[in-house]
Amino acid sequence: MAKNIKIEVKRQIHLPISKAFEISLNNIRIRFWRSIITAGGTFLGIAFLVAILTQSMIDAHLPGTLDKAAAEAARNRTIWLVILSLIVCTVGITNSMLMAVAERFREIGTMKCLGALDIFIVQLFLLESSVMGVVASVAGWLVGFLSIWLIGLINHGWIVAGQITILQALQSLGIGLVVGVFLTVVATIPPAIRAAKMPPVMALRTEV
């Protein structure tokens, strides 16, 4: 019995990560609208986060209208709102990826029968979510930053809006990218592990 197990393990194929990336892009293209729904959670969360960051940049150049205690209370409320919105987005992404796994049971079973390692299945979903996370984060940054910047320009003029430097804008983009990709990848880990641990025979017998 042990000998048969060793032979089965040796027959498994370790596909390169470039192949996983190619398959991930193809899956996004084939399931475009499903990918849009999944990326929508990241998009909304990052747009809200960047909007708050941009507003704080604008507020830093405005004369203080609140006392320190009120300003601190408002800041704490904003932080909690951002955290809660990101948690909701993460839960939504996880739910969407679980549904994506369910739709691809037979595909996963076929790949495993052909020798794909469990780590390859995990890489497949993580790469797919990373690509969606990057695209959604950049789009969320554009919407969040530009909308608040334009509102600041209309309300306070160039004297205030023009104080936001390119470096500050790039910093907010970096924060948005890191947070967006991190949350998308973390939310995908449970579905990816579920897909990797599924026995090939059970996956192939699943009714879609």
Protein backbone atom coordinates (compact mmCIF):
# COMPACT_ATOMS: atom_id res chain seq x y z
CA MET A 1 0.00 0.00 0.00
CA ALA A 2 2.79 2.40 0.93
CA LYS A 3 4.58 1.55 -2.30
CA ASN A 4 1.51 2.44 -4.37
CA ILE A 5 1.22 5.78 -2.57
CA LYS A 6 4.85 6.61 -3.35
CA ILE A 7 4.35 5.79 -7.04
CA GLU A 8 1.27 8.02 -7.17
CA VAL A 9 3.16 10.94 -5.61
CA LYS A 10 6.03 10.57 -8.09
CA ARG A 11 3.60 10.75 -10.99
CA GLN A 12 2.27 14.13 -9.90
CA ILE A 13 3.37 17.03 -12.05
CA HIS A 14 4.74 20.27 -10.63
CA LEU A 15 3.69 22.90 -13.17
CA PRO A 16 5.63 26.20 -13.27
CA ILE A 17 4.13 29.32 -11.76
CA SER A 18 4.10 30.95 -15.20
CA LYS A 19 1.62 28.28 -16.31
CA ALA A 20 -0.52 28.95 -13.24
CA PHE A 21 -0.48 32.67 -14.08
CA GLU A 22 -1.53 31.94 -17.66
CA ILE A 23 -4.40 29.72 -16.52
CA SER A 24 -5.46 32.36 -13.96
CA LEU A 25 -5.67 35.08 -16.61
CA ASN A 26 -7.64 32.75 -18.84
CA ASN A 27 -10.08 31.97 -16.01
CA ILE A 28 -10.60 35.68 -15.39
CA ARG A 29 -11.33 36.20 -19.07
CA ILE A 30 -13.75 33.26 -19.28
CA ARG A 31 -15.56 34.20 -16.06
CA PHE A 32 -15.33 37.95 -16.62
CA TRP A 33 -18.56 38.96 -14.89
CA ARG A 34 -17.89 36.68 -11.94
CA SER A 35 -14.47 38.32 -11.64
CA ILE A 36 -16.08 41.77 -11.77
CA ILE A 37 -18.36 40.84 -8.87
CA THR A 38 -15.42 39.49 -6.86
CA ALA A 39 -13.26 42.53 -7.57
CA GLY A 40 -16.16 44.85 -6.75
CA GLY A 41 -15.70 44.32 -3.02
CA THR A 42 -12.05 45.32 -3.19
CA PHE A 43 -12.87 48.26 -5.45
CA LEU A 44 -15.46 49.70 -3.05
CA GLY A 45 -13.32 49.13 0.04
CA ILE A 46 -10.22 50.76 -1.45
CA ALA A 47 -12.23 53.63 -2.92
CA PHE A 48 -13.61 54.38 0.55
CA LEU A 49 -10.20 54.01 2.22
CA VAL A 50 -8.46 56.30 -0.28
CA ALA A 51 -11.29 58.83 -0.08
CA ILE A 52 -10.75 59.05 3.68
CA LEU A 53 -6.98 59.40 3.23
CA THR A 54 -7.41 62.12 0.61
CA GLN A 55 -9.91 63.99 2.75
CA SER A 56 -7.46 63.95 5.65
CA MET A 57 -4.79 65.44 3.34
CA ILE A 58 -7.18 68.26 2.40
CA ASP A 59 -8.27 68.82 6.01
CA ALA A 60 -4.61 69.20 7.04
CA HIS A 61 -4.45 72.43 4.99
CA LEU A 62 -7.72 73.89 6.29
CA PRO A 63 -8.03 76.13 9.34
CA GLY A 64 -9.06 74.08 12.39
CA THR A 65 -12.78 74.24 13.03
CA LEU A 66 -13.00 71.59 15.77
CA ASP A 67 -11.30 71.36 19.13
CA LYS A 68 -8.78 68.58 19.66
CA ALA A 69 -11.22 66.29 21.50
CA ALA A 70 -13.87 66.55 18.77
CA ALA A 71 -11.27 66.08 16.05
CA GLU A 72 -9.91 62.97 17.76
CA ALA A 73 -13.42 61.53 18.18
CA ALA A 74 -14.18 62.14 14.50
CA ARG A 75 -10.89 60.52 13.52
CA ASN A 76 -11.64 57.40 15.62
CA ARG A 77 -15.11 57.07 14.07
CA THR A 78 -13.61 57.30 10.61
CA ILE A 79 -11.04 54.61 11.41
CA TRP A 80 -13.75 52.24 12.64
CA LEU A 81 -15.84 52.89 9.54
CA VAL A 82 -12.88 52.07 7.30
CA ILE A 83 -12.08 48.88 9.25
CA LEU A 84 -15.70 47.70 9.15
CA SER A 85 -16.00 48.42 5.43
CA LEU A 86 -12.82 46.45 4.71
CA ILE A 87 -14.06 43.51 6.82
CA VAL A 88 -17.36 43.48 4.92
CA CYS A 89 -15.46 43.58 1.63
CA THR A 90 -13.27 40.66 2.73
CA VAL A 91 -16.30 38.55 3.66
CA GLY A 92 -17.89 39.34 0.31
CA ILE A 93 -14.75 38.33 -1.57
CA THR A 94 -14.53 35.05 0.35
CA ASN A 95 -18.15 34.24 -0.44
CA SER A 96 -17.66 35.02 -4.12
CA MET A 97 -14.51 32.88 -4.32
CA LEU A 98 -16.29 29.98 -2.61
CA MET A 99 -18.95 30.16 -5.30
CA ALA A 100 -16.21 30.28 -7.94
CA VAL A 101 -14.67 27.11 -6.47
CA ALA A 102 -18.06 25.37 -6.54
CA GLU A 103 -18.48 26.27 -10.21
CA ARG A 104 -15.08 24.77 -11.05
CA PHE A 105 -15.23 21.45 -9.19
CA ARG A 106 -14.89 19.38 -12.36
CA GLU A 107 -12.11 21.57 -13.71
CA ILE A 108 -10.19 21.18 -10.44
CA GLY A 109 -10.81 17.42 -10.42
CA THR A 110 -9.56 17.12 -14.00
CA MET A 111 -6.36 19.01 -13.24
CA LYS A 112 -5.69 16.86 -10.18
CA CYS A 113 -6.31 13.68 -12.16
CA LEU A 114 -3.77 14.91 -14.72
CA GLY A 115 -1.19 15.27 -11.95
CA ALA A 116 -1.52 18.84 -10.69
CA LEU A 117 -0.21 19.20 -7.14
CA ASP A 118 -2.34 20.72 -4.39
CA ILE A 119 0.06 23.68 -4.21
CA PHE A 120 -0.61 24.36 -7.89
CA ILE A 121 -4.36 24.59 -7.25
CA VAL A 122 -3.71 27.03 -4.39
CA GLN A 123 -1.34 29.08 -6.57
CA LEU A 124 -3.98 29.18 -9.27
CA PHE A 125 -6.59 30.82 -7.06
CA LEU A 126 -4.14 33.11 -5.26
CA LEU A 127 -2.69 34.41 -8.53
CA GLU A 128 -6.17 34.94 -9.89
CA SER A 129 -7.20 36.89 -6.80
CA SER A 130 -3.95 38.89 -6.85
CA VAL A 131 -4.57 40.07 -10.41
CA MET A 132 -8.13 41.06 -9.52
CA GLY A 133 -6.87 42.75 -6.36
CA VAL A 134 -4.34 44.88 -8.25
CA VAL A 135 -6.82 45.98 -10.91
CA ALA A 136 -9.60 46.68 -8.40
CA SER A 137 -7.25 48.57 -6.06
CA VAL A 138 -5.97 50.85 -8.83
CA ALA A 139 -9.52 51.51 -10.02
CA GLY A 140 -10.66 52.14 -6.43
CA TRP A 141 -7.76 54.54 -5.88
CA LEU A 142 -8.63 56.50 -9.03
CA VAL A 143 -12.26 56.87 -8.00
CA GLY A 144 -11.56 57.59 -4.33
CA PHE A 145 -8.70 60.03 -4.86
CA LEU A 146 -10.04 61.94 -7.84
CA SER A 147 -13.58 62.31 -6.48
CA ILE A 148 -12.45 63.77 -3.14
CA TRP A 149 -9.75 65.89 -4.79
CA LEU A 150 -12.26 67.38 -7.22
CA ILE A 151 -14.72 68.05 -4.39
CA GLY A 152 -11.91 69.76 -2.46
CA LEU A 153 -11.03 71.79 -5.53
CA ILE A 154 -14.64 72.93 -5.97
CA ASN A 155 -15.21 73.72 -2.29
CA HIS A 156 -11.86 75.24 -1.34
CA GLY A 157 -10.13 76.13 -4.58
CA TRP A 158 -6.68 75.36 -5.90
CA ILE A 159 -5.00 76.93 -2.86
CA VAL A 160 -6.08 73.92 -0.78
CA ALA A 161 -6.42 71.13 -3.38
CA GLY A 162 -3.09 72.06 -4.94
CA GLN A 163 -1.31 71.39 -1.64
CA ILE A 164 -1.58 67.61 -2.21
CA THR A 165 1.73 66.60 -3.72
CA ILE A 166 2.44 63.83 -6.23
CA LEU A 167 4.33 61.99 -3.48
CA GLN A 168 1.26 62.02 -1.23
CA ALA A 169 -0.90 60.76 -4.10
CA LEU A 170 1.57 57.94 -4.79
CA GLN A 171 1.66 57.08 -1.09
CA SER A 172 -2.13 56.73 -1.03
CA LEU A 173 -1.88 54.56 -4.17
CA GLY A 174 0.71 52.36 -2.46
CA ILE A 175 -1.46 52.00 0.65
CA GLY A 176 -4.48 51.17 -1.49
CA LEU A 177 -2.57 48.55 -3.48
CA VAL A 178 -1.07 46.87 -0.42
CA VAL A 179 -4.36 46.78 1.49
CA GLY A 180 -6.43 45.75 -1.53
CA VAL A 181 -4.17 42.90 -2.67
CA PHE A 182 -3.63 41.72 0.92
CA LEU A 183 -7.36 41.55 1.69
CA THR A 184 -8.16 39.87 -1.63
CA VAL A 185 -5.48 37.22 -1.17
CA VAL A 186 -6.38 36.59 2.48
CA ALA A 187 -10.06 36.25 1.58
CA THR A 188 -9.13 33.71 -1.12
CA ILE A 189 -7.04 31.43 1.09
CA PRO A 190 -9.96 29.41 2.61
CA PRO A 191 -11.60 28.72 -0.80
CA ALA A 192 -8.20 27.88 -2.32
CA ILE A 193 -7.41 25.38 0.43
CA ARG A 194 -10.87 23.83 0.07
CA ALA A 195 -10.30 23.40 -3.66
CA ALA A 196 -6.83 21.90 -3.16
CA LYS A 197 -7.98 19.37 -0.56
CA MET A 198 -10.87 18.07 -2.64
CA PRO A 199 -10.44 14.44 -3.81
CA PRO A 200 -10.33 14.28 -7.62
CA VAL A 201 -13.04 11.60 -7.86
CA MET A 202 -15.44 13.59 -5.68
CA ALA A 203 -14.79 16.74 -7.74
CA LEU A 204 -15.48 14.96 -11.00
CA ARG A 205 -18.71 13.44 -9.70
CA THR A 206 -20.07 16.83 -8.58
CA GLU A 207 -23.18 18.00 -10.42
CA VAL A 208 -22.76 21.58 -11.68
